[in-house]
């Protein structure tokens, strides 16, 4: 996710992705003026990119693959909710 200066911090571990998804959702519903639509879109794109990389990285490990697939499912549900308004 983003640090306080707005710099992207790459996510690597399952815990970072699990916490990162919660942070991403909180960021999207934030009414803070600093949470611009551009930053929200960027955060979502970076999260998806990191998650896709993790899924590919752990494709041969069934247990870890399932964990990351669960996060991907939650992310898809979040994106669907965004589209529905």
N, C-alpha and C. Protein backbone atom coordinates (compact mmCIF):
# COMPACT_ATOMS: atom_id res chain seq x y z
N UNK A 1 0.84 -1.19 0.00
CA UNK A 1 0.00 0.00 0.00
C UNK A 1 0.88 1.25 0.00
N UNK A 2 0.25 2.38 0.23
CA UNK A 2 0.97 3.65 0.25
C UNK A 2 1.50 3.93 1.65
N UNK A 3 2.71 4.49 1.73
CA UNK A 3 3.19 4.98 3.00
C UNK A 3 2.69 6.43 3.16
N UNK A 4 3.10 7.07 4.21
CA UNK A 4 2.57 8.41 4.49
C UNK A 4 2.98 9.44 3.45
N UNK A 5 4.05 9.18 2.69
CA UNK A 5 4.47 10.13 1.66
C UNK A 5 3.79 9.86 0.32
N UNK A 6 2.98 8.80 0.24
CA UNK A 6 2.30 8.46 -1.00
C UNK A 6 3.08 7.49 -1.87
N UNK A 7 4.21 7.01 -1.38
CA UNK A 7 5.04 6.05 -2.13
C UNK A 7 4.46 4.64 -1.99
N UNK A 8 4.44 3.91 -3.10
CA UNK A 8 3.90 2.55 -3.08
C UNK A 8 4.88 1.61 -2.40
N UNK A 9 4.38 0.79 -1.50
CA UNK A 9 5.16 -0.25 -0.84
C UNK A 9 4.68 -1.58 -1.40
N UNK A 10 5.56 -2.30 -2.07
CA UNK A 10 5.17 -3.56 -2.70
C UNK A 10 4.79 -4.59 -1.65
N UNK A 11 3.74 -5.31 -1.93
CA UNK A 11 3.26 -6.35 -1.03
C UNK A 11 3.89 -7.67 -1.43
N UNK A 12 4.31 -8.45 -0.44
CA UNK A 12 4.97 -9.71 -0.74
C UNK A 12 4.39 -10.89 0.01
N UNK A 13 4.07 -10.74 1.28
CA UNK A 13 3.61 -11.88 2.07
C UNK A 13 2.08 -11.94 2.08
N UNK A 14 1.58 -13.08 2.46
CA UNK A 14 0.13 -13.25 2.55
C UNK A 14 -0.46 -12.24 3.53
N UNK A 15 0.21 -12.05 4.68
CA UNK A 15 -0.28 -11.11 5.68
C UNK A 15 -0.34 -9.69 5.13
N UNK A 16 0.67 -9.31 4.34
CA UNK A 16 0.66 -7.99 3.73
C UNK A 16 -0.52 -7.83 2.77
N UNK A 17 -0.82 -8.87 2.02
CA UNK A 17 -1.97 -8.81 1.10
C UNK A 17 -3.28 -8.79 1.86
N UNK A 18 -3.37 -9.60 2.90
CA UNK A 18 -4.60 -9.66 3.69
C UNK A 18 -4.87 -8.31 4.34
N UNK A 19 -3.86 -7.74 4.98
CA UNK A 19 -4.01 -6.42 5.60
C UNK A 19 -4.14 -5.34 4.53
N UNK A 20 -3.42 -5.50 3.43
CA UNK A 20 -3.46 -4.52 2.35
C UNK A 20 -4.83 -4.38 1.72
N UNK A 21 -5.55 -5.50 1.61
CA UNK A 21 -6.89 -5.43 1.04
C UNK A 21 -7.81 -4.62 1.95
N UNK A 22 -7.69 -4.85 3.25
CA UNK A 22 -8.48 -4.05 4.20
C UNK A 22 -8.12 -2.57 4.10
N UNK A 23 -6.82 -2.30 4.00
CA UNK A 23 -6.36 -0.91 3.87
C UNK A 23 -6.87 -0.29 2.57
N UNK A 24 -6.85 -1.06 1.51
CA UNK A 24 -7.34 -0.57 0.21
C UNK A 24 -8.81 -0.21 0.28
N UNK A 25 -9.59 -1.06 0.89
CA UNK A 25 -11.03 -0.80 1.02
C UNK A 25 -11.27 0.45 1.87
N UNK A 26 -10.54 0.56 2.98
CA UNK A 26 -10.67 1.75 3.82
C UNK A 26 -10.29 3.01 3.06
N UNK A 27 -9.24 2.91 2.26
CA UNK A 27 -8.80 4.05 1.46
C UNK A 27 -9.88 4.46 0.46
N UNK A 28 -10.53 3.49 -0.15
CA UNK A 28 -11.56 3.78 -1.15
C UNK A 28 -12.78 4.46 -0.55
N UNK A 29 -13.11 4.14 0.69
CA UNK A 29 -14.29 4.75 1.30
C UNK A 29 -13.94 6.01 2.08
N UNK A 30 -12.66 6.36 2.10
CA UNK A 30 -12.20 7.54 2.82
C UNK A 30 -12.80 8.81 2.23
N UNK A 31 -13.13 9.72 3.13
CA UNK A 31 -13.60 11.04 2.70
C UNK A 31 -12.49 12.07 2.80
N UNK A 32 -11.30 11.63 3.12
CA UNK A 32 -10.13 12.52 3.19
C UNK A 32 -9.89 13.11 1.81
N UNK A 33 -9.79 14.43 1.71
CA UNK A 33 -9.55 15.07 0.41
C UNK A 33 -8.26 14.59 -0.27
N UNK A 34 -7.31 14.10 0.50
CA UNK A 34 -6.06 13.61 -0.08
C UNK A 34 -6.27 12.28 -0.82
N UNK A 35 -7.36 11.61 -0.54
CA UNK A 35 -7.67 10.34 -1.20
C UNK A 35 -8.40 10.63 -2.51
N UNK A 36 -7.65 11.12 -3.47
CA UNK A 36 -8.24 11.48 -4.77
C UNK A 36 -8.59 10.22 -5.56
N UNK A 37 -9.43 10.40 -6.55
CA UNK A 37 -9.81 9.27 -7.39
C UNK A 37 -8.59 8.68 -8.10
N UNK A 38 -7.66 9.54 -8.50
CA UNK A 38 -6.44 9.08 -9.16
C UNK A 38 -5.63 8.19 -8.23
N UNK A 39 -5.48 8.60 -6.96
CA UNK A 39 -4.75 7.78 -6.00
C UNK A 39 -5.48 6.48 -5.71
N UNK A 40 -6.80 6.53 -5.63
CA UNK A 40 -7.57 5.32 -5.40
C UNK A 40 -7.40 4.34 -6.55
N UNK A 41 -7.49 4.84 -7.76
CA UNK A 41 -7.31 3.99 -8.94
C UNK A 41 -5.90 3.40 -8.97
N UNK A 42 -4.92 4.22 -8.64
CA UNK A 42 -3.53 3.77 -8.62
C UNK A 42 -3.32 2.68 -7.56
N UNK A 43 -3.87 2.89 -6.38
CA UNK A 43 -3.73 1.90 -5.31
C UNK A 43 -4.35 0.56 -5.73
N UNK A 44 -5.51 0.63 -6.35
CA UNK A 44 -6.17 -0.60 -6.82
C UNK A 44 -5.33 -1.30 -7.88
N UNK A 45 -4.81 -0.54 -8.81
CA UNK A 45 -3.98 -1.12 -9.88
C UNK A 45 -2.71 -1.76 -9.32
N UNK A 46 -2.05 -1.08 -8.39
CA UNK A 46 -0.84 -1.64 -7.79
C UNK A 46 -1.15 -2.89 -6.99
N UNK A 47 -2.24 -2.87 -6.24
CA UNK A 47 -2.62 -4.04 -5.45
C UNK A 47 -2.87 -5.23 -6.37
N UNK A 48 -3.61 -5.00 -7.43
CA UNK A 48 -3.91 -6.08 -8.38
C UNK A 48 -2.63 -6.61 -9.02
N UNK A 49 -1.73 -5.71 -9.38
CA UNK A 49 -0.47 -6.12 -10.01
C UNK A 49 0.36 -6.98 -9.05
N UNK A 50 0.48 -6.54 -7.80
CA UNK A 50 1.24 -7.31 -6.82
C UNK A 50 0.58 -8.66 -6.56
N UNK A 51 -0.75 -8.67 -6.49
CA UNK A 51 -1.47 -9.91 -6.23
C UNK A 51 -1.30 -10.90 -7.38
N UNK A 52 -1.38 -10.41 -8.60
CA UNK A 52 -1.17 -11.28 -9.76
C UNK A 52 0.23 -11.89 -9.73
N UNK A 53 1.22 -11.10 -9.35
CA UNK A 53 2.58 -11.61 -9.23
C UNK A 53 2.70 -12.68 -8.16
N UNK A 54 2.05 -12.45 -7.03
CA UNK A 54 2.09 -13.43 -5.94
C UNK A 54 1.39 -14.73 -6.35
N UNK A 55 0.30 -14.61 -7.05
CA UNK A 55 -0.43 -15.80 -7.50
C UNK A 55 0.45 -16.61 -8.45
N UNK A 56 1.13 -15.94 -9.36
CA UNK A 56 2.04 -16.64 -10.27
C UNK A 56 3.22 -17.25 -9.51
N UNK A 57 3.73 -16.51 -8.53
CA UNK A 57 4.87 -16.98 -7.76
C UNK A 57 4.55 -18.25 -6.98
N UNK A 58 3.32 -18.37 -6.50
CA UNK A 58 2.94 -19.50 -5.66
C UNK A 58 2.05 -20.50 -6.40
N UNK A 59 2.04 -20.47 -7.69
CA UNK A 59 1.17 -21.36 -8.47
C UNK A 59 1.45 -22.83 -8.20
N UNK A 60 2.69 -23.17 -7.89
CA UNK A 60 3.06 -24.56 -7.65
C UNK A 60 2.84 -25.01 -6.21
N UNK A 61 2.45 -24.11 -5.33
CA UNK A 61 2.23 -24.44 -3.93
C UNK A 61 0.72 -24.34 -3.67
N UNK A 62 0.09 -25.50 -3.59
CA UNK A 62 -1.38 -25.53 -3.50
C UNK A 62 -1.93 -24.78 -2.29
N UNK A 63 -1.31 -24.93 -1.15
CA UNK A 63 -1.81 -24.29 0.07
C UNK A 63 -1.72 -22.76 -0.05
N UNK A 64 -0.58 -22.26 -0.47
CA UNK A 64 -0.43 -20.81 -0.60
C UNK A 64 -1.26 -20.29 -1.75
N UNK A 65 -1.35 -21.05 -2.81
CA UNK A 65 -2.16 -20.65 -3.95
C UNK A 65 -3.61 -20.44 -3.55
N UNK A 66 -4.13 -21.31 -2.69
CA UNK A 66 -5.51 -21.18 -2.21
C UNK A 66 -5.70 -19.90 -1.41
N UNK A 67 -4.71 -19.58 -0.58
CA UNK A 67 -4.80 -18.36 0.23
C UNK A 67 -4.88 -17.11 -0.65
N UNK A 68 -3.99 -17.07 -1.65
CA UNK A 68 -3.97 -15.90 -2.53
C UNK A 68 -5.22 -15.85 -3.41
N UNK A 69 -5.74 -17.01 -3.78
CA UNK A 69 -6.97 -17.06 -4.56
C UNK A 69 -8.14 -16.51 -3.74
N UNK A 70 -8.13 -16.76 -2.45
CA UNK A 70 -9.18 -16.23 -1.58
C UNK A 70 -9.14 -14.70 -1.54
N UNK A 71 -7.94 -14.14 -1.49
CA UNK A 71 -7.81 -12.68 -1.51
C UNK A 71 -8.27 -12.15 -2.86
N UNK A 72 -7.91 -12.84 -3.93
CA UNK A 72 -8.34 -12.41 -5.27
C UNK A 72 -9.86 -12.42 -5.37
N UNK A 73 -10.50 -13.40 -4.75
CA UNK A 73 -11.96 -13.48 -4.77
C UNK A 73 -12.56 -12.29 -4.01
N UNK A 74 -11.99 -11.97 -2.85
CA UNK A 74 -12.47 -10.82 -2.09
C UNK A 74 -12.28 -9.53 -2.88
N UNK A 75 -11.14 -9.43 -3.56
CA UNK A 75 -10.88 -8.24 -4.37
C UNK A 75 -11.90 -8.12 -5.50
N UNK A 76 -12.22 -9.23 -6.14
CA UNK A 76 -13.22 -9.23 -7.21
C UNK A 76 -14.58 -8.80 -6.68
N UNK A 77 -14.94 -9.26 -5.49
CA UNK A 77 -16.21 -8.85 -4.88
C UNK A 77 -16.20 -7.36 -4.59
N UNK A 78 -15.07 -6.83 -4.11
CA UNK A 78 -14.94 -5.41 -3.86
C UNK A 78 -15.09 -4.61 -5.15
N UNK A 79 -14.42 -5.05 -6.20
CA UNK A 79 -14.51 -4.36 -7.49
C UNK A 79 -15.95 -4.39 -8.02
N UNK A 80 -16.63 -5.49 -7.83
CA UNK A 80 -18.03 -5.60 -8.27
C UNK A 80 -18.90 -4.60 -7.50
N UNK A 81 -18.65 -4.49 -6.21
CA UNK A 81 -19.39 -3.53 -5.39
C UNK A 81 -19.13 -2.10 -5.86
N UNK A 82 -17.87 -1.82 -6.23
CA UNK A 82 -17.54 -0.48 -6.75
C UNK A 82 -18.31 -0.18 -8.02
N UNK A 83 -18.41 -1.17 -8.90
CA UNK A 83 -19.10 -0.98 -10.16
C UNK A 83 -20.60 -0.77 -9.96
N UNK A 84 -21.14 -1.41 -8.95
CA UNK A 84 -22.58 -1.27 -8.69
C UNK A 84 -22.91 0.03 -7.95
N UNK A 85 -21.87 0.65 -7.43
CA UNK A 85 -22.08 1.95 -6.77
C UNK A 85 -22.35 1.77 -5.35
